[in-house]
Amino acid sequence: MKLLLLPFIFLASLHSYELNWIHNYEEAFVLAQKEQKNVYLFIGADNCRFCERFKDLTLSKKEVMKTLKENYIPLYLNRDQHKIPRHFVIQGVPRHYFLTPCGKVIHEDAGSREPAGFYDILDEVELKLDDD
């Protein structure tokens, strides 16, 4: 019974962090093109302690969430529950992908990050965007 509740608890906790996470790949890109924003794809899994750590340490911070909300369409896909396009690596979660509104990968990373480390990733993404 506990295992059945974990996905719902996880999804509820994502919503509690003040982002309207999208859980459908195609929908995220329709919205990204409409709003002219890039997409932040967070791939997680059921029973992933590192995903939980990332949520607790980083996604629970209002300033992190504000930055994501302002600059990205947030897309969460659970490898155990959602359809994930084949070209994404789904092993070694959490996985982080930053994509253009057309789906081109700007940057990818893996692992749990504390806020400072996650901001470093966001800075890398911005540098890559500036180079294009």
N, C-alpha and C. Protein backbone atom coordinates (compact mmCIF):
# COMPACT_ATOMS: atom_id res chain seq x y z
N MET A 1 0.82 -1.20 0.00
CA MET A 1 0.00 0.00 0.00
C MET A 1 0.86 1.26 0.00
N LYS A 2 1.95 1.24 0.79
CA LYS A 2 2.82 2.41 0.84
C LYS A 2 3.41 2.73 -0.52
N LEU A 3 3.79 1.70 -1.28
CA LEU A 3 4.38 1.92 -2.59
C LEU A 3 3.40 2.57 -3.55
N LEU A 4 2.13 2.26 -3.41
CA LEU A 4 1.13 2.87 -4.28
C LEU A 4 0.93 4.34 -3.98
N LEU A 5 1.15 4.75 -2.77
CA LEU A 5 0.96 6.15 -2.39
C LEU A 5 2.14 7.04 -2.75
N LEU A 6 3.33 6.48 -2.88
CA LEU A 6 4.53 7.28 -3.13
C LEU A 6 4.42 8.17 -4.37
N PRO A 7 3.95 7.68 -5.51
CA PRO A 7 3.85 8.57 -6.67
C PRO A 7 2.93 9.76 -6.42
N PHE A 8 1.84 9.54 -5.71
CA PHE A 8 0.90 10.62 -5.44
C PHE A 8 1.50 11.63 -4.46
N ILE A 9 2.23 11.13 -3.48
CA ILE A 9 2.90 12.02 -2.54
C ILE A 9 3.94 12.86 -3.27
N PHE A 10 4.70 12.22 -4.17
CA PHE A 10 5.72 12.94 -4.93
C PHE A 10 5.09 14.03 -5.78
N LEU A 11 4.05 13.70 -6.51
CA LEU A 11 3.41 14.70 -7.36
C LEU A 11 2.81 15.82 -6.54
N ALA A 12 2.23 15.49 -5.41
CA ALA A 12 1.67 16.52 -4.53
C ALA A 12 2.78 17.42 -4.02
N SER A 13 3.92 16.85 -3.68
CA SER A 13 5.02 17.67 -3.17
C SER A 13 5.57 18.57 -4.26
N LEU A 14 5.59 18.13 -5.51
CA LEU A 14 6.04 19.00 -6.59
C LEU A 14 5.11 20.20 -6.72
N HIS A 15 3.82 19.96 -6.62
CA HIS A 15 2.87 21.07 -6.72
C HIS A 15 2.99 22.01 -5.54
N SER A 16 3.37 21.51 -4.40
CA SER A 16 3.48 22.37 -3.23
C SER A 16 4.64 23.34 -3.35
N TYR A 17 5.54 23.11 -4.29
CA TYR A 17 6.67 24.00 -4.48
C TYR A 17 6.35 25.14 -5.43
N GLU A 18 5.09 25.42 -5.64
CA GLU A 18 4.62 26.60 -6.34
C GLU A 18 4.92 26.64 -7.83
N LEU A 19 5.16 25.53 -8.43
CA LEU A 19 5.29 25.49 -9.88
C LEU A 19 4.18 24.64 -10.43
N ASN A 20 3.66 25.03 -11.55
CA ASN A 20 2.66 24.21 -12.22
C ASN A 20 3.38 23.27 -13.15
N TRP A 21 3.83 22.15 -12.61
CA TRP A 21 4.57 21.17 -13.40
C TRP A 21 3.65 20.57 -14.46
N ILE A 22 4.18 20.44 -15.64
CA ILE A 22 3.49 19.75 -16.71
C ILE A 22 4.03 18.33 -16.73
N HIS A 23 3.18 17.37 -17.05
CA HIS A 23 3.56 15.96 -17.05
C HIS A 23 3.38 15.31 -18.42
N ASN A 24 3.29 16.15 -19.44
CA ASN A 24 3.12 15.67 -20.80
C ASN A 24 4.11 16.41 -21.69
N TYR A 25 4.98 15.66 -22.34
CA TYR A 25 6.06 16.24 -23.14
C TYR A 25 5.53 17.18 -24.23
N GLU A 26 4.57 16.72 -24.99
CA GLU A 26 4.05 17.52 -26.10
C GLU A 26 3.39 18.81 -25.60
N GLU A 27 2.61 18.71 -24.53
CA GLU A 27 1.96 19.89 -23.96
C GLU A 27 2.97 20.94 -23.54
N ALA A 28 4.07 20.50 -22.94
CA ALA A 28 5.10 21.43 -22.47
C ALA A 28 5.65 22.25 -23.63
N PHE A 29 5.85 21.62 -24.78
CA PHE A 29 6.44 22.34 -25.90
C PHE A 29 5.44 23.24 -26.62
N VAL A 30 4.20 22.88 -26.59
CA VAL A 30 3.17 23.79 -27.12
C VAL A 30 3.17 25.07 -26.28
N LEU A 31 3.20 24.91 -24.97
CA LEU A 31 3.22 26.07 -24.07
C LEU A 31 4.52 26.86 -24.20
N ALA A 32 5.64 26.16 -24.33
CA ALA A 32 6.95 26.83 -24.46
C ALA A 32 6.98 27.70 -25.72
N GLN A 33 6.44 27.20 -26.81
CA GLN A 33 6.41 27.99 -28.03
C GLN A 33 5.46 29.18 -27.90
N LYS A 34 4.35 28.95 -27.24
CA LYS A 34 3.38 30.03 -27.04
C LYS A 34 3.97 31.13 -26.16
N GLU A 35 4.65 30.75 -25.07
CA GLU A 35 5.20 31.72 -24.13
C GLU A 35 6.63 32.13 -24.46
N GLN A 36 7.20 31.54 -25.49
CA GLN A 36 8.58 31.81 -25.90
C GLN A 36 9.56 31.62 -24.74
N LYS A 37 9.44 30.45 -24.11
CA LYS A 37 10.32 30.09 -23.00
C LYS A 37 10.99 28.76 -23.31
N ASN A 38 12.13 28.54 -22.68
CA ASN A 38 12.77 27.24 -22.75
C ASN A 38 12.09 26.30 -21.78
N VAL A 39 12.42 25.03 -21.87
CA VAL A 39 11.80 24.00 -21.03
C VAL A 39 12.85 23.42 -20.09
N TYR A 40 12.48 23.29 -18.83
CA TYR A 40 13.30 22.56 -17.87
C TYR A 40 12.62 21.21 -17.66
N LEU A 41 13.28 20.14 -18.08
CA LEU A 41 12.76 18.79 -17.92
C LEU A 41 13.48 18.11 -16.76
N PHE A 42 12.74 17.74 -15.76
CA PHE A 42 13.25 17.01 -14.59
C PHE A 42 12.71 15.59 -14.72
N ILE A 43 13.62 14.63 -14.89
CA ILE A 43 13.21 13.22 -14.96
C ILE A 43 13.54 12.57 -13.64
N GLY A 44 12.54 11.98 -13.02
CA GLY A 44 12.70 11.28 -11.74
C GLY A 44 12.15 9.88 -11.82
N ALA A 45 12.01 9.28 -10.66
CA ALA A 45 11.50 7.90 -10.59
C ALA A 45 10.87 7.66 -9.24
N ASP A 46 10.00 6.64 -9.20
CA ASP A 46 9.45 6.20 -7.92
C ASP A 46 10.61 5.70 -7.06
N ASN A 47 10.50 5.90 -5.78
CA ASN A 47 11.49 5.39 -4.82
C ASN A 47 12.91 5.87 -5.12
N CYS A 48 13.07 7.08 -5.56
CA CYS A 48 14.38 7.65 -5.86
C CYS A 48 14.79 8.58 -4.73
N ARG A 49 15.70 8.14 -3.91
CA ARG A 49 16.10 8.96 -2.75
C ARG A 49 16.83 10.23 -3.18
N PHE A 50 17.53 10.18 -4.32
CA PHE A 50 18.23 11.38 -4.78
C PHE A 50 17.26 12.40 -5.36
N CYS A 51 16.17 11.92 -5.94
CA CYS A 51 15.10 12.82 -6.42
C CYS A 51 14.47 13.53 -5.22
N GLU A 52 14.20 12.76 -4.18
CA GLU A 52 13.62 13.33 -2.96
C GLU A 52 14.56 14.36 -2.34
N ARG A 53 15.85 14.04 -2.33
CA ARG A 53 16.84 14.96 -1.78
C ARG A 53 16.85 16.26 -2.58
N PHE A 54 16.82 16.15 -3.91
CA PHE A 54 16.80 17.34 -4.77
C PHE A 54 15.57 18.19 -4.50
N LYS A 55 14.43 17.56 -4.39
CA LYS A 55 13.20 18.30 -4.09
C LYS A 55 13.30 19.00 -2.74
N ASP A 56 13.77 18.26 -1.73
CA ASP A 56 13.83 18.80 -0.38
C ASP A 56 14.85 19.93 -0.24
N LEU A 57 16.01 19.77 -0.87
CA LEU A 57 17.07 20.77 -0.71
C LEU A 57 16.97 21.94 -1.68
N THR A 58 16.47 21.68 -2.86
CA THR A 58 16.52 22.71 -3.90
C THR A 58 15.15 23.19 -4.36
N LEU A 59 14.29 22.26 -4.74
CA LEU A 59 12.99 22.67 -5.24
C LEU A 59 12.09 23.24 -4.16
N SER A 60 12.48 23.10 -2.92
CA SER A 60 11.69 23.67 -1.83
C SER A 60 12.04 25.14 -1.58
N LYS A 61 13.06 25.64 -2.25
CA LYS A 61 13.49 27.03 -2.06
C LYS A 61 12.71 27.96 -2.98
N LYS A 62 12.06 28.95 -2.38
CA LYS A 62 11.22 29.86 -3.15
C LYS A 62 11.99 30.59 -4.24
N GLU A 63 13.23 30.99 -3.95
CA GLU A 63 14.00 31.73 -4.96
C GLU A 63 14.35 30.86 -6.16
N VAL A 64 14.62 29.58 -5.93
CA VAL A 64 14.88 28.66 -7.03
C VAL A 64 13.63 28.52 -7.88
N MET A 65 12.51 28.32 -7.22
CA MET A 65 11.26 28.12 -7.93
C MET A 65 10.85 29.38 -8.70
N LYS A 66 11.10 30.53 -8.13
CA LYS A 66 10.79 31.79 -8.81
C LYS A 66 11.60 31.90 -10.11
N THR A 67 12.88 31.58 -10.03
CA THR A 67 13.74 31.62 -11.21
C THR A 67 13.24 30.66 -12.28
N LEU A 68 12.92 29.44 -11.88
CA LEU A 68 12.41 28.46 -12.85
C LEU A 68 11.12 28.94 -13.48
N LYS A 69 10.22 29.42 -12.66
CA LYS A 69 8.91 29.84 -13.15
C LYS A 69 9.02 31.02 -14.13
N GLU A 70 9.94 31.93 -13.85
CA GLU A 70 10.09 33.10 -14.72
C GLU A 70 10.72 32.76 -16.06
N ASN A 71 11.62 31.78 -16.06
CA ASN A 71 12.43 31.54 -17.24
C ASN A 71 12.16 30.25 -18.01
N TYR A 72 11.42 29.33 -17.43
CA TYR A 72 11.25 28.02 -18.04
C TYR A 72 9.82 27.51 -17.91
N ILE A 73 9.49 26.60 -18.80
CA ILE A 73 8.29 25.80 -18.66
C ILE A 73 8.75 24.55 -17.90
N PRO A 74 8.24 24.32 -16.70
CA PRO A 74 8.68 23.17 -15.90
C PRO A 74 7.95 21.88 -16.30
N LEU A 75 8.73 20.88 -16.67
CA LEU A 75 8.20 19.60 -17.11
C LEU A 75 8.79 18.51 -16.23
N TYR A 76 7.92 17.78 -15.54
CA TYR A 76 8.39 16.65 -14.73
C TYR A 76 7.87 15.37 -15.34
N LEU A 77 8.78 14.45 -15.63
CA LEU A 77 8.40 13.14 -16.13
C LEU A 77 9.02 12.07 -15.23
N ASN A 78 8.18 11.19 -14.76
CA ASN A 78 8.60 10.08 -13.91
C ASN A 78 8.79 8.88 -14.83
N ARG A 79 10.00 8.33 -14.83
CA ARG A 79 10.29 7.22 -15.76
C ARG A 79 9.42 6.00 -15.49
N ASP A 80 8.83 5.91 -14.29
CA ASP A 80 7.97 4.78 -13.96
C ASP A 80 6.51 5.03 -14.29
N GLN A 81 6.17 6.28 -14.65
CA GLN A 81 4.77 6.61 -14.85
C GLN A 81 4.44 7.33 -16.16
N HIS A 82 5.40 8.03 -16.72
CA HIS A 82 5.12 8.86 -17.88
C HIS A 82 5.83 8.36 -19.13
N LYS A 83 5.29 8.76 -20.26
CA LYS A 83 5.93 8.46 -21.54
C LYS A 83 7.06 9.47 -21.73
N ILE A 84 8.27 8.95 -21.90
CA ILE A 84 9.45 9.80 -22.09
C ILE A 84 10.05 9.47 -23.45
N PRO A 85 10.27 10.49 -24.28
CA PRO A 85 10.87 10.22 -25.59
C PRO A 85 12.19 9.45 -25.46
N ARG A 86 12.43 8.57 -26.41
CA ARG A 86 13.56 7.64 -26.36
C ARG A 86 14.93 8.32 -26.31
N HIS A 87 15.05 9.51 -26.83
CA HIS A 87 16.37 10.13 -26.91
C HIS A 87 16.87 10.68 -25.57
N PHE A 88 16.05 10.60 -24.53
CA PHE A 88 16.49 11.03 -23.20
C PHE A 88 16.99 9.84 -22.39
N VAL A 89 18.07 10.07 -21.67
CA VAL A 89 18.59 9.05 -20.75
C VAL A 89 17.69 9.04 -19.53
N ILE A 90 17.22 7.86 -19.14
CA ILE A 90 16.33 7.78 -17.99
C ILE A 90 16.95 7.02 -16.83
N GLN A 91 18.17 6.54 -17.01
CA GLN A 91 18.88 5.88 -15.91
C GLN A 91 19.69 6.94 -15.17
N GLY A 92 19.94 6.70 -13.91
CA GLY A 92 20.73 7.66 -13.14
C GLY A 92 19.96 8.93 -12.86
N VAL A 93 18.78 8.79 -12.29
CA VAL A 93 17.95 9.95 -11.96
C VAL A 93 18.34 10.50 -10.60
N PRO A 94 18.10 11.76 -10.35
CA PRO A 94 17.41 12.72 -11.21
C PRO A 94 18.26 13.16 -12.40
N ARG A 95 17.55 13.41 -13.48
CA ARG A 95 18.15 13.93 -14.71
C ARG A 95 17.55 15.30 -14.97
N HIS A 96 18.38 16.17 -15.47
CA HIS A 96 17.95 17.55 -15.75
C HIS A 96 18.29 17.88 -17.20
N TYR A 97 17.28 18.29 -17.93
CA TYR A 97 17.48 18.70 -19.32
C TYR A 97 16.91 20.11 -19.48
N PHE A 98 17.66 20.93 -20.17
CA PHE A 98 17.20 22.28 -20.52
C PHE A 98 17.10 22.29 -22.03
N LEU A 99 15.92 22.63 -22.52
CA LEU A 99 15.60 22.49 -23.94
C LEU A 99 15.03 23.79 -24.50
N THR A 100 15.29 24.01 -25.78
CA THR A 100 14.68 25.16 -26.46
C THR A 100 13.19 24.86 -26.66
N PRO A 101 12.41 25.87 -27.04
CA PRO A 101 10.99 25.62 -27.31
C PRO A 101 10.75 24.64 -28.46
N CYS A 102 11.77 24.40 -29.27
CA CYS A 102 11.66 23.43 -30.37
C CYS A 102 12.16 22.04 -29.96
N GLY A 103 12.66 21.90 -28.73
CA GLY A 103 13.09 20.59 -28.24
C GLY A 103 14.57 20.31 -28.34
N LYS A 104 15.37 21.26 -28.81
CA LYS A 104 16.82 21.06 -28.90
C LYS A 104 17.42 21.12 -27.49
N VAL A 105 18.28 20.16 -27.18
CA VAL A 105 18.91 20.13 -25.86
C VAL A 105 19.97 21.23 -25.78
N ILE A 106 19.80 22.09 -24.79
CA ILE A 106 20.77 23.16 -24.52
C ILE A 106 21.84 22.63 -23.57
N HIS A 107 21.37 21.91 -22.54
CA HIS A 107 22.27 21.40 -21.50
C HIS A 107 21.59 20.23 -20.82
N GLU A 108 22.41 19.27 -20.41
CA GLU A 108 21.88 18.15 -19.62
C GLU A 108 22.81 17.89 -18.46
N ASP A 109 22.23 17.37 -17.39
CA ASP A 109 22.98 17.11 -16.17
C ASP A 109 22.27 16.00 -15.42
N ALA A 110 22.95 15.43 -14.47
CA ALA A 110 22.35 14.37 -13.65
C ALA A 110 22.74 14.57 -12.20
N GLY A 111 21.89 14.11 -11.32
CA GLY A 111 22.19 14.12 -9.91
C GLY A 111 21.41 15.14 -9.12
N SER A 112 21.47 14.95 -7.83
CA SER A 112 20.83 15.88 -6.91
C SER A 112 21.75 17.08 -6.72
N ARG A 113 21.20 18.26 -6.73
CA ARG A 113 21.99 19.47 -6.55
C ARG A 113 21.39 20.31 -5.44
N GLU A 114 22.25 20.87 -4.63
CA GLU A 114 21.81 21.86 -3.66
C GLU A 114 21.57 23.16 -4.43
N PRO A 115 20.90 24.15 -3.83
CA PRO A 115 20.58 25.36 -4.58
C PRO A 115 21.77 26.01 -5.29
N ALA A 116 22.91 26.15 -4.62
CA ALA A 116 24.08 26.79 -5.25
C ALA A 116 24.52 26.01 -6.48
N GLY A 117 24.53 24.71 -6.40
CA GLY A 117 24.91 23.87 -7.54
C GLY A 117 23.90 23.96 -8.66
N PHE A 118 22.63 24.07 -8.31
CA PHE A 118 21.60 24.19 -9.34
C PHE A 118 21.70 25.54 -10.04
N TYR A 119 22.01 26.59 -9.28
CA TYR A 119 22.22 27.91 -9.89
C TYR A 119 23.42 27.87 -10.83
N ASP A 120 24.45 27.10 -10.49
CA ASP A 120 25.59 26.95 -11.39
C ASP A 120 25.14 26.34 -12.72
N ILE A 121 24.25 25.34 -12.65
CA ILE A 121 23.72 24.73 -13.87
C ILE A 121 22.93 25.77 -14.67
N LEU A 122 22.10 26.54 -13.99
CA LEU A 122 21.33 27.58 -14.68
C LEU A 122 22.25 28.59 -15.35
N ASP A 123 23.36 28.93 -14.69
CA ASP A 123 24.34 29.84 -15.28
C ASP A 123 24.97 29.23 -16.53
N GLU A 124 25.28 27.94 -16.48
CA GLU A 124 25.85 27.25 -17.65
C GLU A 124 24.87 27.29 -18.82
N VAL A 125 23.62 27.08 -18.52
CA VAL A 125 22.59 27.13 -19.58
C VAL A 125 22.57 28.52 -20.21
N GLU A 126 22.58 29.54 -19.38
CA GLU A 126 22.55 30.92 -19.89
C GLU A 126 23.78 31.21 -20.75
N LEU A 127 24.95 30.73 -20.32
CA LEU A 127 26.16 30.93 -21.12
C LEU A 127 26.04 30.25 -22.47
N LYS A 128 25.49 29.06 -22.50
CA LYS A 128 25.31 28.35 -23.76
C LYS A 128 24.32 29.07 -24.66
N LEU A 129 23.28 29.64 -24.06
CA LEU A 129 22.31 30.38 -24.85
C LEU A 129 22.92 31.66 -25.43
N ASP A 130 23.79 32.30 -24.64
CA ASP A 130 24.45 33.51 -25.11
C ASP A 130 25.42 33.23 -26.25
N ASP A 131 26.01 32.02 -26.26
CA ASP A 131 26.94 31.65 -27.31
C ASP A 131 26.25 31.36 -28.64
N ASP A 132 24.97 31.02 -28.59
CA ASP A 132 24.23 30.68 -29.83
C ASP A 132 23.83 31.88 -30.62
